[in-house]
Amino acid sequence: FPPQRSRSVWAAFAEEGVVIHSEAYYDSVLQKYFFSNGRDCIDMECIGWVPLPDQKLQLEGKTDDTNSV
């Protein structure tokens, strides 16, 4: 269910009936989600995510067609 590689995602996290939606970064080595500032780990269960375009591809005007959810 988590992304297959480290990447930025838009995700939904849940804990005790509370759901939040946030941009996050998934670190595939640590197998943890972090808020987009890269410092604060998200300790809630990820219940869904969609990939965000890679910054490099976005700047070049290309799209990433290899995304898998």
PDB file of N, CA and C in Angstrom:
ATOM      1  N   PHE A   1       0.796  -1.211   0.000  1.00  0.00           N
ATOM      2  CA  PHE A   1       0.000   0.000   0.000  1.00  0.00           C
ATOM      3  C   PHE A   1       0.834   1.270   0.000  1.00  0.00           C
ATOM      4  N   PRO A   2       1.991   1.312   0.665  1.00  0.00           N
ATOM      5  CA  PRO A   2       2.773   2.553   0.600  1.00  0.00           C
ATOM      6  C   PRO A   2       3.414   2.713  -0.781  1.00  0.00           C
ATOM      7  N   PRO A   3       3.878   3.925  -1.103  1.00  0.00           N
ATOM      8  CA  PRO A   3       4.568   4.123  -2.384  1.00  0.00           C
ATOM      9  C   PRO A   3       5.762   3.174  -2.510  1.00  0.00           C
ATOM     10  N   GLN A   4       6.100   2.833  -3.750  1.00  0.00           N
ATOM     11  CA  GLN A   4       7.204   1.912  -3.985  1.00  0.00           C
ATOM     12  C   GLN A   4       8.561   2.594  -3.898  1.00  0.00           C
ATOM     13  N   ARG A   5       8.557   3.925  -3.914  1.00  0.00           N
ATOM     14  CA  ARG A   5       9.816   4.667  -3.809  1.00  0.00           C
ATOM     15  C   ARG A   5       9.578   5.932  -2.991  1.00  0.00           C
ATOM     16  N   SER A   6      10.641   6.555  -2.568  1.00  0.00           N
ATOM     17  CA  SER A   6      10.525   7.820  -1.843  1.00  0.00           C
ATOM     18  C   SER A   6       9.950   8.868  -2.780  1.00  0.00           C
ATOM     19  N   ARG A   7       8.955   9.608  -2.284  1.00  0.00           N
ATOM     20  CA  ARG A   7       8.307  10.605  -3.139  1.00  0.00           C
ATOM     21  C   ARG A   7       7.355  11.476  -2.339  1.00  0.00           C
ATOM     22  N   SER A   8       6.970  12.593  -2.948  1.00  0.00           N
ATOM     23  CA  SER A   8       5.960  13.474  -2.370  1.00  0.00           C
ATOM     24  C   SER A   8       4.583  12.944  -2.744  1.00  0.00           C
ATOM     25  N   VAL A   9       3.660  13.009  -1.793  1.00  0.00           N
ATOM     26  CA  VAL A   9       2.301  12.511  -1.996  1.00  0.00           C
ATOM     27  C   VAL A   9       1.293  13.460  -1.355  1.00  0.00           C
ATOM     28  N   TRP A  10       0.054  13.360  -1.784  1.00  0.00           N
ATOM     29  CA  TRP A  10      -1.076  13.968  -1.078  1.00  0.00           C
ATOM     30  C   TRP A  10      -1.748  12.799  -0.382  1.00  0.00           C
ATOM     31  N   ALA A  11      -1.841  12.848   0.942  1.00  0.00           N
ATOM     32  CA  ALA A  11      -2.287  11.665   1.671  1.00  0.00           C
ATOM     33  C   ALA A  11      -3.362  11.989   2.700  1.00  0.00           C
ATOM     34  N   ALA A  12      -4.081  10.936   3.077  1.00  0.00           N
ATOM     35  CA  ALA A  12      -5.063  11.006   4.157  1.00  0.00           C
ATOM     36  C   ALA A  12      -4.524  10.148   5.296  1.00  0.00           C
ATOM     37  N   PHE A  13      -4.537  10.710   6.496  1.00  0.00           N
ATOM     38  CA  PHE A  13      -4.063  10.013   7.683  1.00  0.00           C
ATOM     39  C   PHE A  13      -5.186   9.973   8.708  1.00  0.00           C
ATOM     40  N   ALA A  14      -5.289   8.864   9.436  1.00  0.00           N
ATOM     41  CA  ALA A  14      -6.369   8.716  10.409  1.00  0.00           C
ATOM     42  C   ALA A  14      -5.832   8.223  11.745  1.00  0.00           C
ATOM     43  N   GLU A  15      -6.503   8.689  12.814  1.00  0.00           N
ATOM     44  CA  GLU A  15      -6.186   8.225  14.166  1.00  0.00           C
ATOM     45  C   GLU A  15      -7.369   8.558  15.064  1.00  0.00           C
ATOM     46  N   GLU A  16      -7.896   7.551  15.723  1.00  0.00           N
ATOM     47  CA  GLU A  16      -9.000   7.711  16.673  1.00  0.00           C
ATOM     48  C   GLU A  16     -10.174   8.490  16.075  1.00  0.00           C
ATOM     49  N   GLY A  17     -10.537   8.157  14.839  1.00  0.00           N
ATOM     50  CA  GLY A  17     -11.683   8.786  14.200  1.00  0.00           C
ATOM     51  C   GLY A  17     -11.415  10.148  13.581  1.00  0.00           C
ATOM     52  N   VAL A  18     -10.215  10.674  13.724  1.00  0.00           N
ATOM     53  CA  VAL A  18      -9.853  11.959  13.140  1.00  0.00           C
ATOM     54  C   VAL A  18      -9.078  11.695  11.856  1.00  0.00           C
ATOM     55  N   VAL A  19      -9.495  12.352  10.771  1.00  0.00           N
ATOM     56  CA  VAL A  19      -8.814  12.196   9.487  1.00  0.00           C
ATOM     57  C   VAL A  19      -8.263  13.555   9.070  1.00  0.00           C
ATOM     58  N   ILE A  20      -7.001  13.575   8.663  1.00  0.00           N
ATOM     59  CA  ILE A  20      -6.412  14.797   8.119  1.00  0.00           C
ATOM     60  C   ILE A  20      -5.890  14.484   6.718  1.00  0.00           C
ATOM     61  N   HIS A  21      -5.886  15.507   5.881  1.00  0.00           N
ATOM     62  CA  HIS A  21      -5.337  15.410   4.532  1.00  0.00           C
ATOM     63  C   HIS A  21      -4.174  16.384   4.464  1.00  0.00           C
ATOM     64  N   SER A  22      -3.055  15.937   3.924  1.00  0.00           N
ATOM     65  CA  SER A  22      -1.877  16.787   3.901  1.00  0.00           C
ATOM     66  C   SER A  22      -0.902  16.351   2.823  1.00  0.00           C
ATOM     67  N   GLU A  23      -0.149  17.319   2.322  1.00  0.00           N
ATOM     68  CA  GLU A  23       0.989  16.976   1.488  1.00  0.00           C
ATOM     69  C   GLU A  23       2.021  16.350   2.408  1.00  0.00           C
ATOM     70  N   ALA A  24       2.657  15.294   1.963  1.00  0.00           N
ATOM     71  CA  ALA A  24       3.635  14.596   2.796  1.00  0.00           C
ATOM     72  C   ALA A  24       4.744  14.035   1.913  1.00  0.00           C
ATOM     73  N   TYR A  25       5.816  13.621   2.554  1.00  0.00           N
ATOM     74  CA  TYR A  25       6.917  12.965   1.854  1.00  0.00           C
ATOM     75  C   TYR A  25       7.055  11.560   2.427  1.00  0.00           C
ATOM     76  N   TYR A  26       7.038  10.555   1.560  1.00  0.00           N
ATOM     77  CA  TYR A  26       7.228   9.182   2.013  1.00  0.00           C
ATOM     78  C   TYR A  26       8.678   8.794   1.801  1.00  0.00           C
ATOM     79  N   ASP A  27       9.336   8.340   2.872  1.00  0.00           N
ATOM     80  CA  ASP A  27      10.716   7.871   2.809  1.00  0.00           C
ATOM     81  C   ASP A  27      10.684   6.354   2.756  1.00  0.00           C
ATOM     82  N   SER A  28      11.043   5.783   1.600  1.00  0.00           N
ATOM     83  CA  SER A  28      10.939   4.330   1.428  1.00  0.00           C
ATOM     84  C   SER A  28      12.000   3.570   2.219  1.00  0.00           C
ATOM     85  N   VAL A  29      13.090   4.214   2.595  1.00  0.00           N
ATOM     86  CA  VAL A  29      14.115   3.559   3.406  1.00  0.00           C
ATOM     87  C   VAL A  29      13.628   3.431   4.851  1.00  0.00           C
ATOM     88  N   LEU A  30      13.132   4.527   5.401  1.00  0.00           N
ATOM     89  CA  LEU A  30      12.623   4.522   6.780  1.00  0.00           C
ATOM     90  C   LEU A  30      11.206   3.971   6.861  1.00  0.00           C
ATOM     91  N   GLN A  31      10.519   3.890   5.719  1.00  0.00           N
ATOM     92  CA  GLN A  31       9.126   3.465   5.630  1.00  0.00           C
ATOM     93  C   GLN A  31       8.241   4.299   6.552  1.00  0.00           C
ATOM     94  N   LYS A  32       8.411   5.625   6.439  1.00  0.00           N
ATOM     95  CA  LYS A  32       7.645   6.578   7.241  1.00  0.00           C
ATOM     96  C   LYS A  32       7.244   7.761   6.376  1.00  0.00           C
ATOM     97  N   TYR A  33       6.155   8.408   6.789  1.00  0.00           N
ATOM     98  CA  TYR A  33       5.689   9.633   6.145  1.00  0.00           C
ATOM     99  C   TYR A  33       6.141  10.822   6.981  1.00  0.00           C
ATOM    100  N   PHE A  34       6.504  11.903   6.301  1.00  0.00           N
ATOM    101  CA  PHE A  34       6.910  13.134   6.954  1.00  0.00           C
ATOM    102  C   PHE A  34       6.103  14.281   6.374  1.00  0.00           C
ATOM    103  N   PHE A  35       5.826  15.310   7.207  1.00  0.00           N
ATOM    104  CA  PHE A  35       5.213  16.511   6.672  1.00  0.00           C
ATOM    105  C   PHE A  35       6.167  17.119   5.671  1.00  0.00           C
ATOM    106  N   SER A  36       5.676  17.963   4.786  1.00  0.00           N
ATOM    107  CA  SER A  36       6.478  18.460   3.672  1.00  0.00           C
ATOM    108  C   SER A  36       7.715  19.238   4.112  1.00  0.00           C
ATOM    109  N   ASN A  37       7.767  19.667   5.382  1.00  0.00           N
ATOM    110  CA  ASN A  37       8.978  20.348   5.854  1.00  0.00           C
ATOM    111  C   ASN A  37      10.129  19.357   6.035  1.00  0.00           C
ATOM    112  N   GLY A  38       9.830  18.046   5.989  1.00  0.00           N
ATOM    113  CA  GLY A  38      10.864  17.019   6.056  1.00  0.00           C
ATOM    114  C   GLY A  38      11.385  16.697   7.433  1.00  0.00           C
ATOM    115  N   ARG A  39      10.911  17.390   8.451  1.00  0.00           N
ATOM    116  CA  ARG A  39      11.444  17.169   9.796  1.00  0.00           C
ATOM    117  C   ARG A  39      10.502  16.402  10.708  1.00  0.00           C
ATOM    118  N   ASP A  40       9.222  16.651  10.570  1.00  0.00           N
ATOM    119  CA  ASP A  40       8.254  16.082  11.498  1.00  0.00           C
ATOM    120  C   ASP A  40       7.627  14.815  10.921  1.00  0.00           C
ATOM    121  N   CYS A  41       7.830  13.696  11.618  1.00  0.00           N
ATOM    122  CA  CYS A  41       7.276  12.412  11.211  1.00  0.00           C
ATOM    123  C   CYS A  41       5.766  12.398  11.490  1.00  0.00           C
ATOM    124  N   ILE A  42       5.014  11.780  10.601  1.00  0.00           N
ATOM    125  CA  ILE A  42       3.565  11.649  10.784  1.00  0.00           C
ATOM    126  C   ILE A  42       3.324  10.280  11.405  1.00  0.00           C
ATOM    127  N   ASP A  43       2.866  10.262  12.627  1.00  0.00           N
ATOM    128  CA  ASP A  43       2.671   9.017  13.360  1.00  0.00           C
ATOM    129  C   ASP A  43       1.253   8.463  13.252  1.00  0.00           C
ATOM    130  N   MET A  44       0.487   8.952  12.294  1.00  0.00           N
ATOM    131  CA  MET A  44      -0.869   8.470  12.084  1.00  0.00           C
ATOM    132  C   MET A  44      -0.856   7.423  10.971  1.00  0.00           C
ATOM    133  N   GLU A  45      -1.894   6.595  10.916  1.00  0.00           N
ATOM    134  CA  GLU A  45      -2.012   5.583   9.868  1.00  0.00           C
ATOM    135  C   GLU A  45      -2.389   6.249   8.548  1.00  0.00           C
ATOM    136  N   CYS A  46      -1.640   5.961   7.488  1.00  0.00           N
ATOM    137  CA  CYS A  46      -1.979   6.461   6.155  1.00  0.00           C
ATOM    138  C   CYS A  46      -3.094   5.581   5.602  1.00  0.00           C
ATOM    139  N   ILE A  47      -4.231   6.203   5.259  1.00  0.00           N
ATOM    140  CA  ILE A  47      -5.367   5.434   4.749  1.00  0.00           C
ATOM    141  C   ILE A  47      -5.563   5.621   3.252  1.00  0.00           C
ATOM    142  N   GLY A  48      -4.748   6.456   2.632  1.00  0.00           N
ATOM    143  CA  GLY A  48      -4.819   6.647   1.188  1.00  0.00           C
ATOM    144  C   GLY A  48      -3.868   7.728   0.738  1.00  0.00           C
ATOM    145  N   TRP A  49      -3.379   7.617  -0.481  1.00  0.00           N
ATOM    146  CA  TRP A  49      -2.466   8.624  -1.007  1.00  0.00           C
ATOM    147  C   TRP A  49      -2.515   8.641  -2.525  1.00  0.00           C
ATOM    148  N   VAL A  50      -2.112   9.769  -3.092  1.00  0.00           N
ATOM    149  CA  VAL A  50      -1.914   9.895  -4.531  1.00  0.00           C
ATOM    150  C   VAL A  50      -0.558  10.569  -4.730  1.00  0.00           C
ATOM    151  N   PRO A  51       0.166  10.172  -5.778  1.00  0.00           N
ATOM    152  CA  PRO A  51       1.480  10.766  -5.999  1.00  0.00           C
ATOM    153  C   PRO A  51       1.372  12.208  -6.467  1.00  0.00           C
ATOM    154  N   LEU A  52       2.329  13.013  -6.067  1.00  0.00           N
ATOM    155  CA  LEU A  52       2.452  14.374  -6.577  1.00  0.00           C
ATOM    156  C   LEU A  52       3.553  14.378  -7.633  1.00  0.00           C
ATOM    157  N   PRO A  53       3.463  15.262  -8.618  1.00  0.00           N
ATOM    158  CA  PRO A  53       4.497  15.297  -9.661  1.00  0.00           C
ATOM    159  C   PRO A  53       5.880  15.564  -9.054  1.00  0.00           C
ATOM    160  N   ASP A  54       6.883  14.927  -9.634  1.00  0.00           N
ATOM    161  CA  ASP A  54       8.250  15.184  -9.202  1.00  0.00           C
ATOM    162  C   ASP A  54       8.623  16.620  -9.556  1.00  0.00           C
ATOM    163  N   GLN A  55       9.318  17.311  -8.650  1.00  0.00           N
ATOM    164  CA  GLN A  55       9.705  18.709  -8.868  1.00  0.00           C
ATOM    165  C   GLN A  55      10.503  18.878 -10.159  1.00  0.00           C
ATOM    166  N   LYS A  56      11.473  18.010 -10.396  1.00  0.00           N
ATOM    167  CA  LYS A  56      12.332  18.121 -11.568  1.00  0.00           C
ATOM    168  C   LYS A  56      11.506  18.001 -12.849  1.00  0.00           C
ATOM    169  N   LEU A  57      10.624  17.027 -12.913  1.00  0.00           N
ATOM    170  CA  LEU A  57       9.796  16.849 -14.096  1.00  0.00           C
ATOM    171  C   LEU A  57       8.844  18.015 -14.279  1.00  0.00           C
ATOM    172  N   GLN A  58       8.335  18.545 -13.180  1.00  0.00           N
ATOM    173  CA  GLN A  58       7.405  19.658 -13.239  1.00  0.00           C
ATOM    174  C   GLN A  58       8.109  20.901 -13.798  1.00  0.00           C
ATOM    175  N   LEU A  59       9.344  21.160 -13.374  1.00  0.00           N
ATOM    176  CA  LEU A  59      10.092  22.315 -13.846  1.00  0.00           C
ATOM    177  C   LEU A  59      10.437  22.197 -15.330  1.00  0.00           C
ATOM    178  N   GLU A  60      10.644  20.988 -15.811  1.00  0.00           N
ATOM    179  CA  GLU A  60      10.980  20.766 -17.210  1.00  0.00           C
ATOM    180  C   GLU A  60       9.732  20.723 -18.093  1.00  0.00           C
ATOM    181  N   GLY A  61       8.549  20.818 -17.499  1.00  0.00           N
ATOM    182  CA  GLY A  61       7.315  20.774 -18.261  1.00  0.00           C
ATOM    183  C   GLY A  61       6.916  19.381 -18.693  1.00  0.00           C
ATOM    184  N   LYS A  62       7.462  18.365 -18.034  1.00  0.00           N
ATOM    185  CA  LYS A  62       7.128  16.972 -18.349  1.00  0.00           C
ATOM    186  C   LYS A  62       6.225  16.422 -17.271  1.00  0.00           C
ATOM    187  N   THR A  63       5.587  15.301 -17.561  1.00  0.00           N
ATOM    188  CA  THR A  63       4.783  14.615 -16.555  1.00  0.00           C
ATOM    189  C   THR A  63       5.389  13.259 -16.270  1.00  0.00           C
ATOM    190  N   ASP A  64       5.124  12.742 -15.087  1.00  0.00           N
ATOM    191  CA  ASP A  64       5.627  11.439 -14.679  1.00  0.00           C
ATOM    192  C   ASP A  64       4.539  10.402 -14.939  1.00  0.00           C
ATOM    193  N   ASP A  65       4.664   9.648 -16.039  1.00  0.00           N
ATOM    194  CA  ASP A  65       3.663   8.646 -16.395  1.00  0.00           C
ATOM    195  C   ASP A  65       3.903   7.300 -15.730  1.00  0.00           C
ATOM    196  N   THR A  66       4.937   7.196 -14.904  1.00  0.00           N
ATOM    197  CA  THR A  66       5.290   5.918 -14.296  1.00  0.00           C
ATOM    198  C   THR A  66       4.756   5.766 -12.889  1.00  0.00           C
ATOM    199  N   ASN A  67       3.873   6.679 -12.472  1.00  0.00           N
ATOM    200  CA  ASN A  67       3.336   6.625 -11.110  1.00  0.00           C
ATOM    201  C   ASN A  67       2.472   5.403 -10.924  1.00  0.00           C
ATOM    202  N   SER A  68       2.607   4.759  -9.774  1.00  0.00           N
ATOM    203  CA  SER A  68       1.704   3.657  -9.435  1.00  0.00           C
ATOM    204  C   SER A  68       1.214   3.867  -8.031  1.00  0.00           C
ATOM    205  N   VAL A  69      -0.022   3.562  -7.809  1.00  0.00           N
ATOM    206  CA  VAL A  69      -0.613   3.740  -6.485  1.00  0.00           C
ATOM    207  C   VAL A  69      -0.842   2.394  -5.879  1.00  0.00           C
TER     208      VAL A  69
END
